[in-house]
Amino acid sequence: MNIDIRKSIINNFKDSNTEEIKEAIDGIISDHDEIGLPGLGVLFELNWQNSNEELKQTILKNIENNLKK
């Protein structure tokens, strides 16, 4: 059985508002939910694919800075 994780996660969130998405992200992070990590990856992928180069550079700088903390 093939499961398209990306499509499944997108489908799970497609009707969510910003507060629901924020709660899901905060919950995954605060609970150290390893199972939720692929979902965060899909959300990041969507954000990355739909960002212009300036925003991508901002994201990369934020990641770089946070890794150095």
PDB file of N, CA and C in Angstrom:
ATOM      1  N   MET A   1       0.834  -1.173   0.000  1.00  0.00           N
ATOM      2  CA  MET A   1       0.000   0.000   0.000  1.00  0.00           C
ATOM      3  C   MET A   1       0.885   1.245   0.000  1.00  0.00           C
ATOM      4  N   ASN A   2       0.670   2.121  -0.948  1.00  0.00           N
ATOM      5  CA  ASN A   2       1.404   3.376  -1.038  1.00  0.00           C
ATOM      6  C   ASN A   2       0.587   4.502  -0.419  1.00  0.00           C
ATOM      7  N   ILE A   3       1.201   5.215   0.498  1.00  0.00           N
ATOM      8  CA  ILE A   3       0.536   6.350   1.126  1.00  0.00           C
ATOM      9  C   ILE A   3       1.313   7.605   0.746  1.00  0.00           C
ATOM     10  N   ASP A   4       0.622   8.579   0.195  1.00  0.00           N
ATOM     11  CA  ASP A   4       1.250   9.850  -0.135  1.00  0.00           C
ATOM     12  C   ASP A   4       1.142  10.747   1.096  1.00  0.00           C
ATOM     13  N   ILE A   5       2.227  10.776   1.869  1.00  0.00           N
ATOM     14  CA  ILE A   5       2.230  11.515   3.133  1.00  0.00           C
ATOM     15  C   ILE A   5       1.960  12.997   2.896  1.00  0.00           C
ATOM     16  N   ARG A   6       2.573  13.564   1.865  1.00  0.00           N
ATOM     17  CA  ARG A   6       2.371  14.992   1.591  1.00  0.00           C
ATOM     18  C   ARG A   6       0.891  15.306   1.373  1.00  0.00           C
ATOM     19  N   LYS A   7       0.259  14.531   0.496  1.00  0.00           N
ATOM     20  CA  LYS A   7      -1.156  14.770   0.198  1.00  0.00           C
ATOM     21  C   LYS A   7      -2.013  14.588   1.444  1.00  0.00           C
ATOM     22  N   SER A   8      -1.689  13.590   2.234  1.00  0.00           N
ATOM     23  CA  SER A   8      -2.451  13.324   3.448  1.00  0.00           C
ATOM     24  C   SER A   8      -2.347  14.487   4.435  1.00  0.00           C
ATOM     25  N   ILE A   9      -1.148  14.995   4.633  1.00  0.00           N
ATOM     26  CA  ILE A   9      -0.951  16.101   5.569  1.00  0.00           C
ATOM     27  C   ILE A   9      -1.622  17.364   5.054  1.00  0.00           C
ATOM     28  N   ILE A  10      -1.451  17.646   3.769  1.00  0.00           N
ATOM     29  CA  ILE A  10      -2.097  18.824   3.176  1.00  0.00           C
ATOM     30  C   ILE A  10      -3.607  18.709   3.320  1.00  0.00           C
ATOM     31  N   ASN A  11      -4.139  17.534   3.068  1.00  0.00           N
ATOM     32  CA  ASN A  11      -5.577  17.311   3.199  1.00  0.00           C
ATOM     33  C   ASN A  11      -6.040  17.525   4.636  1.00  0.00           C
ATOM     34  N   ASN A  12      -5.233  17.090   5.600  1.00  0.00           N
ATOM     35  CA  ASN A  12      -5.587  17.259   7.017  1.00  0.00           C
ATOM     36  C   ASN A  12      -5.634  18.729   7.429  1.00  0.00           C
ATOM     37  N   PHE A  13      -4.836  19.572   6.794  1.00  0.00           N
ATOM     38  CA  PHE A  13      -4.746  20.979   7.184  1.00  0.00           C
ATOM     39  C   PHE A  13      -5.500  21.930   6.262  1.00  0.00           C
ATOM     40  N   LYS A  14      -5.991  21.451   5.126  1.00  0.00           N
ATOM     41  CA  LYS A  14      -6.516  22.368   4.109  1.00  0.00           C
ATOM     42  C   LYS A  14      -7.674  23.242   4.589  1.00  0.00           C
ATOM     43  N   ASP A  15      -8.443  22.795   5.536  1.00  0.00           N
ATOM     44  CA  ASP A  15      -9.565  23.593   6.035  1.00  0.00           C
ATOM     45  C   ASP A  15      -9.260  24.272   7.372  1.00  0.00           C
ATOM     46  N   SER A  16      -7.999  24.204   7.797  1.00  0.00           N
ATOM     47  CA  SER A  16      -7.605  24.786   9.085  1.00  0.00           C
ATOM     48  C   SER A  16      -7.353  26.277   8.950  1.00  0.00           C
ATOM     49  N   ASN A  17      -7.675  27.004  10.020  1.00  0.00           N
ATOM     50  CA  ASN A  17      -7.347  28.428  10.041  1.00  0.00           C
ATOM     51  C   ASN A  17      -5.975  28.608  10.687  1.00  0.00           C
ATOM     52  N   THR A  18      -5.499  29.844  10.703  1.00  0.00           N
ATOM     53  CA  THR A  18      -4.147  30.079  11.209  1.00  0.00           C
ATOM     54  C   THR A  18      -3.979  29.671  12.672  1.00  0.00           C
ATOM     55  N   GLU A  19      -4.994  29.875  13.481  1.00  0.00           N
ATOM     56  CA  GLU A  19      -4.891  29.498  14.901  1.00  0.00           C
ATOM     57  C   GLU A  19      -4.785  27.977  15.051  1.00  0.00           C
ATOM     58  N   GLU A  20      -5.544  27.234  14.288  1.00  0.00           N
ATOM     59  CA  GLU A  20      -5.484  25.769  14.344  1.00  0.00           C
ATOM     60  C   GLU A  20      -4.125  25.255  13.870  1.00  0.00           C
ATOM     61  N   ILE A  21      -3.594  25.868  12.833  1.00  0.00           N
ATOM     62  CA  ILE A  21      -2.274  25.474  12.342  1.00  0.00           C
ATOM     63  C   ILE A  21      -1.216  25.787  13.389  1.00  0.00           C
ATOM     64  N   LYS A  22      -1.310  26.967  13.990  1.00  0.00           N
ATOM     65  CA  LYS A  22      -0.362  27.348  15.040  1.00  0.00           C
ATOM     66  C   LYS A  22      -0.428  26.381  16.212  1.00  0.00           C
ATOM     67  N   GLU A  23      -1.624  26.033  16.640  1.00  0.00           N
ATOM     68  CA  GLU A  23      -1.791  25.089  17.753  1.00  0.00           C
ATOM     69  C   GLU A  23      -1.179  23.729  17.425  1.00  0.00           C
ATOM     70  N   ALA A  24      -1.362  23.268  16.202  1.00  0.00           N
ATOM     71  CA  ALA A  24      -0.792  21.984  15.792  1.00  0.00           C
ATOM     72  C   ALA A  24       0.730  22.045  15.824  1.00  0.00           C
ATOM     73  N   ILE A  25       1.295  23.117  15.275  1.00  0.00           N
ATOM     74  CA  ILE A  25       2.758  23.274  15.258  1.00  0.00           C
ATOM     75  C   ILE A  25       3.290  23.365  16.679  1.00  0.00           C
ATOM     76  N   ASP A  26       2.679  24.224  17.503  1.00  0.00           N
ATOM     77  CA  ASP A  26       3.120  24.369  18.895  1.00  0.00           C
ATOM     78  C   ASP A  26       3.020  23.049  19.650  1.00  0.00           C
ATOM     79  N   GLY A  27       1.945  22.295  19.411  1.00  0.00           N
ATOM     80  CA  GLY A  27       1.767  21.009  20.089  1.00  0.00           C
ATOM     81  C   GLY A  27       2.834  19.998  19.710  1.00  0.00           C
ATOM     82  N   ILE A  28       3.138  19.912  18.441  1.00  0.00           N
ATOM     83  CA  ILE A  28       4.170  18.984  17.973  1.00  0.00           C
ATOM     84  C   ILE A  28       5.508  19.331  18.603  1.00  0.00           C
ATOM     85  N   ILE A  29       5.817  20.620  18.643  1.00  0.00           N
ATOM     86  CA  ILE A  29       7.097  21.061  19.201  1.00  0.00           C
ATOM     87  C   ILE A  29       7.141  20.858  20.713  1.00  0.00           C
ATOM     88  N   SER A  30       6.116  21.301  21.424  1.00  0.00           N
ATOM     89  CA  SER A  30       6.144  21.216  22.889  1.00  0.00           C
ATOM     90  C   SER A  30       6.083  19.778  23.397  1.00  0.00           C
ATOM     91  N   ASP A  31       5.416  18.898  22.646  1.00  0.00           N
ATOM     92  CA  ASP A  31       5.309  17.496  23.047  1.00  0.00           C
ATOM     93  C   ASP A  31       6.482  16.649  22.561  1.00  0.00           C
ATOM     94  N   HIS A  32       7.403  17.272  21.820  1.00  0.00           N
ATOM     95  CA  HIS A  32       8.522  16.527  21.218  1.00  0.00           C
ATOM     96  C   HIS A  32       7.985  15.329  20.438  1.00  0.00           C
ATOM     97  N   ASP A  33       6.946  15.595  19.663  1.00  0.00           N
ATOM     98  CA  ASP A  33       6.222  14.557  18.915  1.00  0.00           C
ATOM     99  C   ASP A  33       6.985  14.173  17.658  1.00  0.00           C
ATOM    100  N   GLU A  34       7.729  13.076  17.742  1.00  0.00           N
ATOM    101  CA  GLU A  34       8.523  12.609  16.602  1.00  0.00           C
ATOM    102  C   GLU A  34       7.640  12.247  15.409  1.00  0.00           C
ATOM    103  N   ILE A  35       6.457  11.754  15.672  1.00  0.00           N
ATOM    104  CA  ILE A  35       5.548  11.363  14.597  1.00  0.00           C
ATOM    105  C   ILE A  35       5.064  12.599  13.828  1.00  0.00           C
ATOM    106  N   GLY A  36       4.993  13.731  14.490  1.00  0.00           N
ATOM    107  CA  GLY A  36       4.540  14.958  13.848  1.00  0.00           C
ATOM    108  C   GLY A  36       5.595  15.655  13.003  1.00  0.00           C
ATOM    109  N   LEU A  37       6.854  15.247  13.127  1.00  0.00           N
ATOM    110  CA  LEU A  37       7.927  15.911  12.385  1.00  0.00           C
ATOM    111  C   LEU A  37       7.733  15.888  10.870  1.00  0.00           C
ATOM    112  N   PRO A  38       7.293  14.784  10.278  1.00  0.00           N
ATOM    113  CA  PRO A  38       7.052  14.836   8.821  1.00  0.00           C
ATOM    114  C   PRO A  38       6.013  15.883   8.437  1.00  0.00           C
ATOM    115  N   GLY A  39       5.022  16.084   9.278  1.00  0.00           N
ATOM    116  CA  GLY A  39       4.011  17.108   8.999  1.00  0.00           C
ATOM    117  C   GLY A  39       4.615  18.495   8.990  1.00  0.00           C
ATOM    118  N   LEU A  40       5.516  18.763   9.942  1.00  0.00           N
ATOM    119  CA  LEU A  40       6.203  20.053   9.955  1.00  0.00           C
ATOM    120  C   LEU A  40       7.052  20.209   8.705  1.00  0.00           C
ATOM    121  N   GLY A  41       7.644  19.109   8.276  1.00  0.00           N
ATOM    122  CA  GLY A  41       8.444  19.140   7.050  1.00  0.00           C
ATOM    123  C   GLY A  41       7.608  19.490   5.837  1.00  0.00           C
ATOM    124  N   VAL A  42       6.413  18.939   5.764  1.00  0.00           N
ATOM    125  CA  VAL A  42       5.519  19.241   4.634  1.00  0.00           C
ATOM    126  C   VAL A  42       5.095  20.703   4.683  1.00  0.00           C
ATOM    127  N   LEU A  43       4.775  21.206   5.867  1.00  0.00           N
ATOM    128  CA  LEU A  43       4.400  22.616   5.989  1.00  0.00           C
ATOM    129  C   LEU A  43       5.569  23.522   5.605  1.00  0.00           C
ATOM    130  N   PHE A  44       6.771  23.135   6.011  1.00  0.00           N
ATOM    131  CA  PHE A  44       7.955  23.901   5.632  1.00  0.00           C
ATOM    132  C   PHE A  44       8.146  23.857   4.117  1.00  0.00           C
ATOM    133  N   GLU A  45       7.980  22.682   3.527  1.00  0.00           N
ATOM    134  CA  GLU A  45       8.132  22.529   2.083  1.00  0.00           C
ATOM    135  C   GLU A  45       7.163  23.446   1.321  1.00  0.00           C
ATOM    136  N   LEU A  46       5.904  23.478   1.747  1.00  0.00           N
ATOM    137  CA  LEU A  46       4.923  24.350   1.105  1.00  0.00           C
ATOM    138  C   LEU A  46       5.334  25.814   1.221  1.00  0.00           C
ATOM    139  N   ASN A  47       5.781  26.192   2.399  1.00  0.00           N
ATOM    140  CA  ASN A  47       6.218  27.566   2.636  1.00  0.00           C
ATOM    141  C   ASN A  47       7.418  27.896   1.745  1.00  0.00           C
ATOM    142  N   TRP A  48       8.377  27.007   1.698  1.00  0.00           N
ATOM    143  CA  TRP A  48       9.593  27.216   0.909  1.00  0.00           C
ATOM    144  C   TRP A  48       9.271  27.335  -0.586  1.00  0.00           C
ATOM    145  N   GLN A  49       8.445  26.427  -1.074  1.00  0.00           N
ATOM    146  CA  GLN A  49       8.115  26.419  -2.499  1.00  0.00           C
ATOM    147  C   GLN A  49       7.362  27.679  -2.935  1.00  0.00           C
ATOM    148  N   ASN A  50       6.684  28.306  -2.015  1.00  0.00           N
ATOM    149  CA  ASN A  50       5.879  29.472  -2.348  1.00  0.00           C
ATOM    150  C   ASN A  50       6.481  30.779  -1.842  1.00  0.00           C
ATOM    151  N   SER A  51       7.765  30.749  -1.529  1.00  0.00           N
ATOM    152  CA  SER A  51       8.467  31.942  -1.059  1.00  0.00           C
ATOM    153  C   SER A  51       9.361  32.482  -2.172  1.00  0.00           C
ATOM    154  N   ASN A  52       9.489  33.807  -2.196  1.00  0.00           N
ATOM    155  CA  ASN A  52      10.425  34.403  -3.148  1.00  0.00           C
ATOM    156  C   ASN A  52      11.845  34.282  -2.591  1.00  0.00           C
ATOM    157  N   GLU A  53      12.818  34.655  -3.386  1.00  0.00           N
ATOM    158  CA  GLU A  53      14.220  34.498  -2.978  1.00  0.00           C
ATOM    159  C   GLU A  53      14.564  35.308  -1.736  1.00  0.00           C
ATOM    160  N   GLU A  54      13.983  36.478  -1.601  1.00  0.00           N
ATOM    161  CA  GLU A  54      14.253  37.301  -0.420  1.00  0.00           C
ATOM    162  C   GLU A  54      13.766  36.610   0.850  1.00  0.00           C
ATOM    163  N   LEU A  55      12.574  36.070   0.802  1.00  0.00           N
ATOM    164  CA  LEU A  55      12.039  35.372   1.971  1.00  0.00           C
ATOM    165  C   LEU A  55      12.834  34.095   2.259  1.00  0.00           C
ATOM    166  N   LYS A  56      13.248  33.388   1.213  1.00  0.00           N
ATOM    167  CA  LYS A  56      14.078  32.186   1.415  1.00  0.00           C
ATOM    168  C   LYS A  56      15.380  32.544   2.127  1.00  0.00           C
ATOM    169  N   GLN A  57      15.984  33.662   1.748  1.00  0.00           N
ATOM    170  CA  GLN A  57      17.211  34.089   2.413  1.00  0.00           C
ATOM    171  C   GLN A  57      16.959  34.410   3.880  1.00  0.00           C
ATOM    172  N   THR A  58      15.821  35.020   4.185  1.00  0.00           N
ATOM    173  CA  THR A  58      15.452  35.311   5.570  1.00  0.00           C
ATOM    174  C   THR A  58      15.275  34.013   6.352  1.00  0.00           C
ATOM    175  N   ILE A  59      14.598  33.050   5.757  1.00  0.00           N
ATOM    176  CA  ILE A  59      14.390  31.751   6.402  1.00  0.00           C
ATOM    177  C   ILE A  59      15.737  31.085   6.667  1.00  0.00           C
ATOM    178  N   LEU A  60      16.612  31.084   5.664  1.00  0.00           N
ATOM    179  CA  LEU A  60      17.927  30.461   5.812  1.00  0.00           C
ATOM    180  C   LEU A  60      18.750  31.137   6.904  1.00  0.00           C
ATOM    181  N   LYS A  61      18.717  32.463   6.955  1.00  0.00           N
ATOM    182  CA  LYS A  61      19.451  33.189   7.998  1.00  0.00           C
ATOM    183  C   LYS A  61      18.901  32.854   9.380  1.00  0.00           C
ATOM    184  N   ASN A  62      17.569  32.777   9.508  1.00  0.00           N
ATOM    185  CA  ASN A  62      16.961  32.410  10.791  1.00  0.00           C
ATOM    186  C   ASN A  62      17.397  31.018  11.214  1.00  0.00           C
ATOM    187  N   ILE A  63      17.390  30.080  10.287  1.00  0.00           N
ATOM    188  CA  ILE A  63      17.819  28.713  10.607  1.00  0.00           C
ATOM    189  C   ILE A  63      19.281  28.716  11.029  1.00  0.00           C
ATOM    190  N   GLU A  64      20.116  29.378  10.248  1.00  0.00           N
ATOM    191  CA  GLU A  64      21.548  29.442  10.564  1.00  0.00           C
ATOM    192  C   GLU A  64      21.763  30.029  11.951  1.00  0.00           C
ATOM    193  N   ASN A  65      21.110  31.149  12.235  1.00  0.00           N
ATOM    194  CA  ASN A  65      21.273  31.805  13.542  1.00  0.00           C
ATOM    195  C   ASN A  65      20.789  30.922  14.679  1.00  0.00           C
ATOM    196  N   ASN A  66      19.681  30.229  14.499  1.00  0.00           N
ATOM    197  CA  ASN A  66      19.145  29.373  15.557  1.00  0.00           C
ATOM    198  C   ASN A  66      19.981  28.129  15.779  1.00  0.00           C
ATOM    199  N   LEU A  67      20.639  27.644  14.754  1.00  0.00           N
ATOM    200  CA  LEU A  67      21.530  26.495  14.922  1.00  0.00           C
ATOM    201  C   LEU A  67      22.769  26.851  15.726  1.00  0.00           C
ATOM    202  N   LYS A  68      23.149  28.099  15.705  1.00  0.00           N
ATOM    203  CA  LYS A  68      24.353  28.550  16.404  1.00  0.00           C
ATOM    204  C   LYS A  68      24.094  28.900  17.860  1.00  0.00           C
ATOM    205  N   LYS A  69      22.842  28.872  18.297  1.00  0.00           N
ATOM    206  CA  LYS A  69      22.516  29.214  19.687  1.00  0.00           C
ATOM    207  C   LYS A  69      22.924  28.120  20.629  1.00  0.00           C
TER     208      LYS A  69
END
